[in-house]
C-alpha atoms as a PDB file:
ATOM      1  CA  MET A   1      -7.983 -62.642 148.087  1.00  0.00           C
ATOM      2  CA  LYS A   2     -10.432 -64.978 145.877  1.00  0.00           C
ATOM      3  CA  ILE A   3      -9.763 -65.021 142.281  1.00  0.00           C
ATOM      4  CA  LEU A   4     -11.102 -66.639 139.821  1.00  0.00           C
ATOM      5  CA  ALA A   5     -10.114 -66.680 135.902  1.00  0.00           C
ATOM      6  CA  LEU A   6     -11.444 -67.711 132.420  1.00  0.00           C
ATOM      7  CA  ASP A   7      -9.920 -68.278 129.233  1.00  0.00           C
ATOM      8  CA  THR A   8     -11.574 -69.180 126.294  1.00  0.00           C
ATOM      9  CA  SER A   9      -9.395 -67.196 124.081  1.00  0.00           C
ATOM     10  CA  SER A  10      -8.097 -69.699 121.949  1.00  0.00           C
ATOM     11  CA  LEU A  11      -7.895 -73.571 121.593  1.00  0.00           C
ATOM     12  CA  ALA A  12      -8.238 -74.860 125.297  1.00  0.00           C
ATOM     13  CA  CYS A  13     -11.088 -73.630 127.938  1.00  0.00           C
ATOM     14  CA  SER A  14      -9.507 -72.978 130.994  1.00  0.00           C
ATOM     15  CA  ALA A  15     -11.084 -71.895 134.610  1.00  0.00           C
ATOM     16  CA  ALA A  16      -8.809 -71.323 137.908  1.00  0.00           C
ATOM     17  CA  LEU A  17      -8.895 -70.221 141.118  1.00  0.00           C
ATOM     18  CA  ALA A  18      -6.469 -68.759 143.181  1.00  0.00           C
ATOM     19  CA  ILE A  19      -6.701 -68.149 146.984  1.00  0.00           C
ATOM     20  CA  ASP A  20      -4.540 -65.333 148.525  1.00  0.00           C
ATOM     21  CA  GLY A  21      -1.598 -65.953 145.767  1.00  0.00           C
ATOM     22  CA  ARG A  22      -2.036 -69.923 145.944  1.00  0.00           C
ATOM     23  CA  LEU A  23      -3.537 -71.822 142.598  1.00  0.00           C
ATOM     24  CA  THR A  24      -6.079 -73.888 144.560  1.00  0.00           C
ATOM     25  CA  ALA A  25      -7.741 -75.731 141.788  1.00  0.00           C
ATOM     26  CA  GLU A  26      -7.939 -75.102 137.733  1.00  0.00           C
ATOM     27  CA  VAL A  27      -9.783 -76.902 134.743  1.00  0.00           C
ATOM     28  CA  LEU A  28      -8.416 -77.284 131.557  1.00  0.00           C
ATOM     29  CA  LEU A  29     -10.273 -78.541 128.467  1.00  0.00           C
ATOM     30  CA  ASN A  30      -8.906 -79.358 124.849  1.00  0.00           C
ATOM     31  CA  SER A  31     -11.451 -81.775 123.675  1.00  0.00           C
ATOM     32  CA  GLY A  32     -12.583 -79.735 120.691  1.00  0.00           C
ATOM     33  CA  LEU A  33     -16.036 -78.971 122.041  1.00  0.00           C
ATOM     34  CA  THR A  34     -17.003 -75.121 121.717  1.00  0.00           C
ATOM     35  CA  HIS A  35     -16.269 -73.362 124.791  1.00  0.00           C
ATOM     36  CA  SER A  36     -20.097 -72.227 125.018  1.00  0.00           C
ATOM     37  CA  GLN A  37     -20.709 -76.191 126.229  1.00  0.00           C
ATOM     38  CA  THR A  38     -17.635 -76.414 128.274  1.00  0.00           C
ATOM     39  CA  LEU A  39     -16.899 -73.528 129.825  1.00  0.00           C
ATOM     40  CA  MET A  40     -19.936 -72.927 132.677  1.00  0.00           C
ATOM     41  CA  PRO A  41     -19.798 -76.521 133.677  1.00  0.00           C
ATOM     42  CA  ALA A  42     -15.996 -76.057 134.359  1.00  0.00           C
ATOM     43  CA  VAL A  43     -16.730 -73.167 136.293  1.00  0.00           C
ATOM     44  CA  GLU A  44     -19.723 -75.230 138.510  1.00  0.00           C
ATOM     45  CA  ALA A  45     -17.338 -77.894 139.215  1.00  0.00           C
ATOM     46  CA  LEU A  46     -14.736 -75.976 139.818  1.00  0.00           C
ATOM     47  CA  LEU A  47     -16.553 -74.097 142.694  1.00  0.00           C
ATOM     48  CA  GLU A  48     -18.337 -76.956 143.776  1.00  0.00           C
ATOM     49  CA  ARG A  49     -15.241 -78.681 144.770  1.00  0.00           C
ATOM     50  CA  GLU A  50     -14.092 -75.855 146.681  1.00  0.00           C
ATOM     51  CA  GLY A  51     -17.196 -75.474 148.394  1.00  0.00           C
ATOM     52  CA  LEU A  52     -17.430 -71.814 147.069  1.00  0.00           C
ATOM     53  CA  THR A  53     -20.422 -69.559 145.151  1.00  0.00           C
ATOM     54  CA  PRO A  54     -19.600 -66.762 142.732  1.00  0.00           C
ATOM     55  CA  ALA A  55     -20.347 -64.666 146.134  1.00  0.00           C
ATOM     56  CA  ASP A  56     -17.556 -65.800 147.794  1.00  0.00           C
ATOM     57  CA  ILE A  57     -15.116 -64.730 144.925  1.00  0.00           C
ATOM     58  CA  ASP A  58     -13.275 -61.209 145.233  1.00  0.00           C
ATOM     59  CA  LEU A  59     -12.309 -60.511 141.722  1.00  0.00           C
ATOM     60  CA  PHE A  60     -13.042 -62.277 138.396  1.00  0.00           C
ATOM     61  CA  ALA A  61     -10.350 -62.317 136.068  1.00  0.00           C
ATOM     62  CA  ALA A  62     -11.214 -62.521 131.593  1.00  0.00           C
ATOM     63  CA  VAL A  63      -8.206 -63.745 129.166  1.00  0.00           C
ATOM     64  CA  ALA A  64      -9.996 -61.051 127.021  1.00  0.00           C
ATOM     65  CA  GLY A  65      -7.595 -61.429 123.940  1.00  0.00           C
ATOM     66  CA  PRO A  66      -6.288 -61.221 121.340  1.00  0.00           C
ATOM     67  CA  GLY A  67      -7.468 -64.669 119.921  1.00  0.00           C
ATOM     68  CA  SER A  68     -10.630 -66.611 118.313  1.00  0.00           C
ATOM     69  CA  PHE A  69     -12.678 -63.577 118.367  1.00  0.00           C
ATOM     70  CA  THR A  70     -16.033 -65.739 119.030  1.00  0.00           C
ATOM     71  CA  GLY A  71     -13.915 -67.240 122.049  1.00  0.00           C
ATOM     72  CA  VAL A  72     -12.623 -64.050 123.343  1.00  0.00           C
ATOM     73  CA  ARG A  73     -16.772 -62.267 123.682  1.00  0.00           C
ATOM     74  CA  ILE A  74     -17.660 -66.302 125.396  1.00  0.00           C
ATOM     75  CA  GLY A  75     -14.839 -65.156 128.427  1.00  0.00           C
ATOM     76  CA  VAL A  76     -15.472 -61.858 128.391  1.00  0.00           C
ATOM     77  CA  CYS A  77     -19.661 -62.435 128.654  1.00  0.00           C
ATOM     78  CA  ALA A  78     -19.411 -64.931 131.230  1.00  0.00           C
ATOM     79  CA  VAL A  79     -17.339 -62.977 133.735  1.00  0.00           C
ATOM     80  CA  LYS A  80     -19.769 -59.824 133.001  1.00  0.00           C
ATOM     81  CA  GLY A  81     -22.211 -62.429 133.915  1.00  0.00           C
ATOM     82  CA  LEU A  82     -20.141 -63.843 136.990  1.00  0.00           C
ATOM     83  CA  CYS A  83     -19.945 -59.636 138.087  1.00  0.00           C
ATOM     84  CA  ALA A  84     -23.062 -58.974 137.847  1.00  0.00           C
ATOM     85  CA  SER A  85     -24.614 -61.838 139.757  1.00  0.00           C
ATOM     86  CA  SER A  86     -22.086 -61.264 142.586  1.00  0.00           C
ATOM     87  CA  GLY A  87     -21.888 -57.582 142.673  1.00  0.00           C
ATOM     88  CA  GLN A  88     -18.046 -58.016 142.506  1.00  0.00           C
ATOM     89  CA  GLN A  89     -14.576 -56.340 140.006  1.00  0.00           C
ATOM     90  CA  CYS A  90     -12.990 -58.022 136.938  1.00  0.00           C
ATOM     91  CA  ALA A  91      -9.619 -57.602 135.744  1.00  0.00           C
ATOM     92  CA  ARG A  92      -9.034 -57.989 132.145  1.00  0.00           C
ATOM     93  CA  VAL A  93      -5.753 -59.816 131.421  1.00  0.00           C
ATOM     94  CA  ASP A  94      -3.820 -59.885 127.942  1.00  0.00           C
ATOM     95  CA  ALA A  95      -3.699 -63.293 125.835  1.00  0.00           C
ATOM     96  CA  LEU A  96      -0.315 -63.097 125.046  1.00  0.00           C
ATOM     97  CA  GLU A  97       0.799 -62.018 128.812  1.00  0.00           C
ATOM     98  CA  ALA A  98      -0.860 -65.120 130.301  1.00  0.00           C
ATOM     99  CA  ILE A  99       1.133 -67.170 127.722  1.00  0.00           C
ATOM    100  CA  ALA A 100       4.478 -65.448 128.482  1.00  0.00           C
ATOM    101  CA  GLU A 101       3.454 -65.882 132.457  1.00  0.00           C
ATOM    102  CA  GLY A 102       3.245 -69.107 131.866  1.00  0.00           C
ATOM    103  CA  ALA A 103       6.724 -69.882 130.523  1.00  0.00           C
ATOM    104  CA  SER A 104       9.017 -69.913 133.255  1.00  0.00           C
ATOM    105  CA  TYR A 105      12.246 -69.418 130.727  1.00  0.00           C
ATOM    106  CA  GLU A 106      14.933 -66.732 132.005  1.00  0.00           C
ATOM    107  CA  GLY A 107      15.214 -64.228 129.146  1.00  0.00           C
ATOM    108  CA  LEU A 108      13.029 -63.345 126.155  1.00  0.00           C
ATOM    109  CA  ILE A 109       9.730 -64.826 126.283  1.00  0.00           C
ATOM    110  CA  CYS A 110       7.884 -64.730 122.630  1.00  0.00           C
ATOM    111  CA  PRO A 111       3.968 -65.646 122.799  1.00  0.00           C
ATOM    112  CA  ILE A 112       2.788 -66.488 119.160  1.00  0.00           C
ATOM    113  CA  LEU A 113      -1.214 -66.924 118.243  1.00  0.00           C
ATOM    114  CA  ASP A 114      -2.173 -67.560 114.879  1.00  0.00           C
ATOM    115  CA  ALA A 115      -4.644 -65.258 113.839  1.00  0.00           C
ATOM    116  CA  ARG A 116      -4.897 -66.995 110.338  1.00  0.00           C
ATOM    117  CA  ARG A 117      -4.981 -65.008 107.126  1.00  0.00           C
ATOM    118  CA  GLY A 118      -1.477 -65.323 107.191  1.00  0.00           C
ATOM    119  CA  GLN A 119      -0.841 -63.608 110.094  1.00  0.00           C
ATOM    120  CA  VAL A 120       0.059 -64.164 114.195  1.00  0.00           C
ATOM    121  CA  TYR A 121      -1.197 -62.148 117.156  1.00  0.00           C
ATOM    122  CA  THR A 122       2.184 -61.681 119.026  1.00  0.00           C
ATOM    123  CA  ALA A 123       4.464 -59.474 121.178  1.00  0.00           C
ATOM    124  CA  LEU A 124       8.181 -59.510 123.292  1.00  0.00           C
ATOM    125  CA  PHE A 125       8.475 -60.164 126.905  1.00  0.00           C
ATOM    126  CA  GLU A 126      11.689 -60.335 128.618  1.00  0.00           C
ATOM    127  CA  ARG A 127      12.136 -62.002 131.942  1.00  0.00           C
ATOM    128  CA  ARG A 128      15.163 -61.802 134.411  1.00  0.00           C
ATOM    129  CA  GLY A 129      15.365 -62.621 137.809  1.00  0.00           C
ATOM    130  CA  GLY A 130      11.721 -64.490 138.095  1.00  0.00           C
ATOM    131  CA  ALA A 131      10.276 -60.720 137.453  1.00  0.00           C
ATOM    132  CA  LEU A 132       8.295 -60.664 133.412  1.00  0.00           C
ATOM    133  CA  ARG A 133       8.089 -56.970 131.696  1.00  0.00           C
ATOM    134  CA  ARG A 134       6.917 -56.004 128.399  1.00  0.00           C
ATOM    135  CA  VAL A 135       9.329 -55.745 125.920  1.00  0.00           C
ATOM    136  CA  ARG A 136       7.268 -54.822 122.331  1.00  0.00           C
ATOM    137  CA  GLU A 137       3.397 -54.077 122.852  1.00  0.00           C
ATOM    138  CA  ASP A 138       0.411 -56.452 121.061  1.00  0.00           C
ATOM    139  CA  GLU A 139       0.533 -56.974 117.291  1.00  0.00           C
ATOM    140  CA  ALA A 140      -1.241 -58.704 114.177  1.00  0.00           C
ATOM    141  CA  LEU A 141       1.388 -58.972 111.465  1.00  0.00           C
ATOM    142  CA  SER A 142       2.907 -61.765 109.676  1.00  0.00           C
ATOM    143  CA  LEU A 143       4.910 -64.168 110.970  1.00  0.00           C
ATOM    144  CA  ALA A 144       7.880 -63.585 108.969  1.00  0.00           C
ATOM    145  CA  GLU A 145       7.648 -60.092 109.050  1.00  0.00           C
ATOM    146  CA  TRP A 146       7.594 -60.273 112.899  1.00  0.00           C
ATOM    147  CA  LEU A 147      10.664 -62.605 113.090  1.00  0.00           C
ATOM    148  CA  GLY A 148      13.232 -60.083 110.868  1.00  0.00           C
ATOM    149  CA  THR A 149      12.227 -57.409 113.825  1.00  0.00           C
ATOM    150  CA  LEU A 150      13.849 -59.735 116.537  1.00  0.00           C
ATOM    151  CA  PRO A 151      17.284 -59.290 118.159  1.00  0.00           C
ATOM    152  CA  LYS A 152      19.969 -61.185 115.969  1.00  0.00           C
ATOM    153  CA  ASP A 153      22.191 -61.780 118.925  1.00  0.00           C
ATOM    154  CA  GLU A 154      19.342 -63.053 121.358  1.00  0.00           C
ATOM    155  CA  THR A 155      17.889 -66.514 121.785  1.00  0.00           C
ATOM    156  CA  VAL A 156      14.251 -65.868 121.709  1.00  0.00           C
ATOM    157  CA  PHE A 157      11.871 -68.269 123.558  1.00  0.00           C
ATOM    158  CA  PHE A 158       8.950 -69.317 121.590  1.00  0.00           C
ATOM    159  CA  SER A 159       5.494 -70.662 122.863  1.00  0.00           C
ATOM    160  CA  GLY A 160       1.764 -70.334 122.419  1.00  0.00           C
ATOM    161  CA  ASP A 161      -0.578 -72.396 120.652  1.00  0.00           C
ATOM    162  CA  GLY A 162       0.709 -70.745 117.396  1.00  0.00           C
ATOM    163  CA  LEU A 163       3.386 -73.066 117.442  1.00  0.00           C
ATOM    164  CA  ASN A 164       0.906 -75.628 115.912  1.00  0.00           C
ATOM    165  CA  VAL A 165       1.028 -74.369 112.755  1.00  0.00           C
ATOM    166  CA  HIS A 166       4.152 -72.070 112.224  1.00  0.00           C
ATOM    167  CA  GLU A 167       7.164 -73.691 114.195  1.00  0.00           C
ATOM    168  CA  ALA A 168       8.787 -74.956 111.107  1.00  0.00           C
ATOM    169  CA  LEU A 169       8.752 -71.743 109.517  1.00  0.00           C
ATOM    170  CA  ILE A 170      10.327 -70.378 113.105  1.00  0.00           C
ATOM    171  CA  ARG A 171      13.041 -72.749 113.127  1.00  0.00           C
ATOM    172  CA  ASP A 172      13.637 -72.284 109.255  1.00  0.00           C
ATOM    173  CA  CYS A 173      13.843 -68.277 109.994  1.00  0.00           C
ATOM    174  CA  MET A 174      15.590 -68.463 113.492  1.00  0.00           C
ATOM    175  CA  GLY A 175      17.490 -71.494 113.598  1.00  0.00           C
ATOM    176  CA  GLU A 176      19.388 -72.054 117.053  1.00  0.00           C
ATOM    177  CA  ARG A 177      18.040 -68.681 118.352  1.00  0.00           C
ATOM    178  CA  ALA A 178      14.526 -70.011 119.001  1.00  0.00           C
ATOM    179  CA  LEU A 179      13.805 -72.361 121.579  1.00  0.00           C
ATOM    180  CA  ILE A 180      10.588 -73.736 121.079  1.00  0.00           C
ATOM    181  CA  ALA A 181       7.981 -74.744 124.530  1.00  0.00           C
ATOM    182  CA  PRO A 182       7.015 -78.038 124.266  1.00  0.00           C
ATOM    183  CA  ALA A 183       3.446 -79.094 123.837  1.00  0.00           C
ATOM    184  CA  HIS A 184       2.622 -79.336 127.055  1.00  0.00           C
ATOM    185  CA  ILE A 185       3.522 -75.690 128.369  1.00  0.00           C
ATOM    186  CA  ARG A 186       2.427 -73.847 125.177  1.00  0.00           C
ATOM    187  CA  VAL A 187      -1.146 -74.319 126.038  1.00  0.00           C
ATOM    188  CA  LEU A 188      -2.555 -70.434 127.824  1.00  0.00           C
ATOM    189  CA  ARG A 189      -3.573 -71.346 131.460  1.00  0.00           C
ATOM    190  CA  ALA A 190      -6.267 -69.447 133.117  1.00  0.00           C
ATOM    191  CA  SER A 191      -3.895 -70.171 136.282  1.00  0.00           C
ATOM    192  CA  SER A 192      -1.515 -67.360 134.515  1.00  0.00           C
ATOM    193  CA  ALA A 193      -4.052 -64.732 134.300  1.00  0.00           C
ATOM    194  CA  CYS A 194      -4.962 -65.608 138.135  1.00  0.00           C
ATOM    195  CA  LEU A 195      -1.559 -64.576 138.750  1.00  0.00           C
ATOM    196  CA  ILE A 196      -1.169 -61.313 136.712  1.00  0.00           C
ATOM    197  CA  ALA A 197      -4.921 -60.307 138.081  1.00  0.00           C
ATOM    198  CA  GLU A 198      -3.283 -60.370 141.757  1.00  0.00           C
ATOM    199  CA  ARG A 199      -0.341 -58.524 140.981  1.00  0.00           C
ATOM    200  CA  ASP A 200      -1.755 -56.016 138.702  1.00  0.00           C
ATOM    201  CA  GLU A 201      -4.265 -53.376 139.745  1.00  0.00           C
ATOM    202  CA  SER A 202      -4.210 -51.411 136.825  1.00  0.00           C
ATOM    203  CA  ILE A 203      -6.127 -54.104 134.848  1.00  0.00           C
ATOM    204  CA  ARG A 204      -9.101 -54.403 137.492  1.00  0.00           C
ATOM    205  CA  MET A 205     -12.301 -52.556 136.825  1.00  0.00           C
ATOM    206  CA  ASP A 206     -16.270 -52.342 136.910  1.00  0.00           C
ATOM    207  CA  ALA A 207     -17.920 -55.371 134.492  1.00  0.00           C
ATOM    208  CA  SER A 208     -19.415 -52.737 132.867  1.00  0.00           C
ATOM    209  CA  GLN A 209     -15.924 -51.387 131.120  1.00  0.00           C
ATOM    210  CA  LEU A 210     -14.812 -54.966 130.387  1.00  0.00           C
ATOM    211  CA  THR A 211     -14.303 -55.141 126.611  1.00  0.00           C
ATOM    212  CA  PRO A 212     -12.738 -57.860 124.257  1.00  0.00           C
ATOM    213  CA  VAL A 213      -9.219 -56.709 122.913  1.00  0.00           C
ATOM    214  CA  TYR A 214      -9.439 -57.043 118.933  1.00  0.00           C
ATOM    215  CA  LEU A 215      -6.252 -56.478 117.049  1.00  0.00           C
ATOM    216  CA  ARG A 216      -7.925 -55.969 113.721  1.00  0.00           C
ATOM    217  CA  LEU A 217     -11.524 -56.598 112.584  1.00  0.00           C
ATOM    218  CA  SER A 218     -13.470 -59.945 112.540  1.00  0.00           C
ATOM    219  CA  GLN A 219     -13.428 -61.987 109.257  1.00  0.00           C
ATOM    220  CA  ALA A 220     -17.308 -61.126 109.062  1.00  0.00           C
ATOM    221  CA  GLU A 221     -15.816 -56.779 108.817  1.00  0.00           C
ATOM    222  CA  ARG A 222     -13.035 -57.360 106.676  1.00  0.00           C
ATOM    223  CA  GLU A 223     -15.370 -59.115 104.330  1.00  0.00           C
ATOM    224  CA  ARG A 224     -18.202 -56.627 104.953  1.00  0.00           C
ATOM    225  CA  ASN A 225     -15.578 -53.871 103.663  1.00  0.00           C
ATOM    226  CA  GLU A 226     -14.060 -55.677 101.054  1.00  0.00           C
ATOM    227  CA  ARG A 227     -17.307 -55.763  99.537  1.00  0.00           C
ATOM    228  CA  MET A 228     -17.960 -52.003  99.708  1.00  0.00           C
ATOM    229  CA  THR A 229     -14.464 -51.604  98.482  1.00  0.00           C
ATOM    230  CA  ARG A 230     -15.889 -53.400  95.304  1.00  0.00           C
ATOM    231  CA  ALA A 231     -19.039 -51.944  95.032  1.00  0.00           C
ATOM    232  CA  ARG A 232     -17.297 -48.342  94.558  1.00  0.00           C
ATOM    233  CA  ILE A 233     -15.001 -49.087  91.990  1.00  0.00           C
END
């Protein structure tokens, strides 16, 4: 099976191709350019390098959030377009699970994405014997509140580009119980989405069913609700 996965949910943009469970090519861009500028040229370059077209792909995967509202929409729309041109199915991959998948740590894994406004997107996973399982569902909440709910007697491995903002607070609250992923590991990679889409048939769907994963309202929706609330007072 040929799987092409795309991720635009956070700071980096990436595309990866896996064939029969083996990663054959990946493009990772963290240049500061908008994902709308970099994603499709990266996809075209990747496919050209492998001598493939979208019609040769068996399954397209989108990292559908949680994450940047604009970024998530770019990746989801790109995958829906690729599916429309090829007639293939797609897979909706959870961003936090993809971060945890990229961590080789055996034990508790906590992915962190910055949700702004004093909050993070996070969840809890555990890897034992190489197999990854979910311990807690995705949440959007304050980091201090989340850290207070983690096990008090276990070491937790933290990963995700939310560490760029929140590493100091995690170290202050967790002390030696916190293991922090180095910068080159914490970036979400589309190759992890390929692995998840390969093994988990339950996340596969028709492209018409593919929607972003949002854990809270967008900034525009929040501001509109605040204006409406003030108007009623």
